[in-house]
Amino acid sequence: MLRRRGYLIAREGSDRNAPTQRAMELGLFQVKETVVCHSDGHTTVSRTPKVTGRGQQYFIERFLDGRLTPDLADDEGAAA
């Protein structure tokens, strides 16, 4: 749902599920980067989007006032 609403990047690739620029500017997410050292010696960086406290308040307020509602038909199709 957050991808469909434009808060997370929807396109396929390495930045899928990363916060959009707009969501970052609003302070809704922060990105935690973790360096992973592999057994063969190379390292990769894992990026995990985290919802901030401000983001939690933002989404809760929008759910409660009806501005942000899940599309149940889309969610049921994705689960099947």
Protein backbone atom coordinates (compact mmCIF):
# COMPACT_ATOMS: atom_id res chain seq x y z
CA MET A 1 0.00 0.00 0.00
CA LEU A 2 2.85 2.41 0.77
CA ARG A 3 4.27 1.75 -2.70
CA ARG A 4 0.91 2.43 -4.36
CA ARG A 5 0.55 5.69 -2.41
CA GLY A 6 4.01 6.94 -3.40
CA TYR A 7 5.82 6.65 -0.07
CA LEU A 8 8.11 3.79 -1.19
CA ILE A 9 9.74 3.23 -4.58
CA ALA A 10 7.76 0.64 -6.55
CA ARG A 11 10.01 -0.10 -9.54
CA GLU A 12 12.02 -3.29 -9.60
CA GLY A 13 15.71 -3.13 -8.78
CA SER A 14 18.07 -2.40 -5.94
CA ASP A 15 16.09 0.61 -4.71
CA ARG A 16 12.71 -1.19 -4.49
CA ASN A 17 10.96 -0.34 -1.20
CA ALA A 18 13.35 2.53 -0.53
CA PRO A 19 11.56 5.70 0.61
CA THR A 20 10.78 8.27 -2.05
CA GLN A 21 12.45 11.67 -1.88
CA ARG A 22 9.15 13.21 -0.78
CA ALA A 23 8.76 10.74 2.11
CA MET A 24 12.34 11.42 3.24
CA GLU A 25 11.82 15.20 3.10
CA LEU A 26 8.70 14.80 5.26
CA GLY A 27 10.82 12.91 7.80
CA LEU A 28 8.66 9.77 7.61
CA PHE A 29 11.53 7.32 7.11
CA GLN A 30 15.21 6.91 7.82
CA VAL A 31 17.45 4.42 6.06
CA LYS A 32 19.71 2.18 8.12
CA GLU A 33 22.79 0.99 6.25
CA THR A 34 24.58 -2.18 7.38
CA VAL A 35 27.88 -3.37 5.94
CA VAL A 36 27.96 -7.13 5.36
CA CYS A 37 31.36 -8.85 5.03
CA HIS A 38 31.09 -12.07 3.03
CA SER A 39 33.29 -15.14 3.48
CA ASP A 40 34.97 -14.62 0.10
CA GLY A 41 36.17 -11.18 1.19
CA HIS A 42 33.81 -8.82 -0.60
CA THR A 43 31.48 -6.48 1.23
CA THR A 44 27.99 -5.28 0.43
CA VAL A 45 25.80 -2.62 1.96
CA SER A 46 22.30 -3.58 3.06
CA ARG A 47 19.80 -0.70 3.27
CA THR A 48 16.71 -1.04 5.43
CA PRO A 49 14.00 1.66 5.50
CA LYS A 50 12.71 2.37 9.02
CA VAL A 51 9.58 4.37 9.85
CA THR A 52 10.41 7.24 12.21
CA GLY A 53 8.27 8.28 15.17
CA ARG A 54 7.06 11.21 13.10
CA GLY A 55 6.20 8.76 10.30
CA GLN A 56 4.20 6.59 12.70
CA GLN A 57 2.15 9.61 13.80
CA TYR A 58 1.70 10.71 10.18
CA PHE A 59 0.37 7.33 9.00
CA ILE A 60 -1.84 6.76 12.07
CA GLU A 61 -3.47 10.19 11.65
CA ARG A 62 -4.14 9.48 7.98
CA PHE A 63 -5.62 6.06 8.70
CA LEU A 64 -7.88 7.47 11.39
CA ASP A 65 -9.20 10.40 9.35
CA GLY A 66 -9.72 8.25 6.24
CA ARG A 67 -7.14 9.92 3.97
CA LEU A 68 -5.11 6.69 3.84
CA THR A 69 -7.06 3.47 3.44
CA PRO A 70 -5.86 0.08 2.26
CA ASP A 71 -7.27 -1.16 -1.04
CA LEU A 72 -8.53 -4.52 0.13
CA ALA A 73 -9.15 -5.78 -3.40
CA ASP A 74 -5.48 -5.18 -4.31
CA ASP A 75 -4.22 -6.79 -1.08
CA GLU A 76 -6.35 -9.91 -1.56
CA GLY A 77 -5.02 -10.30 -5.11
CA ALA A 78 -1.44 -10.00 -3.89
CA ALA A 79 -1.95 -12.64 -1.18
CA ALA A 80 -3.43 -15.21 -3.55
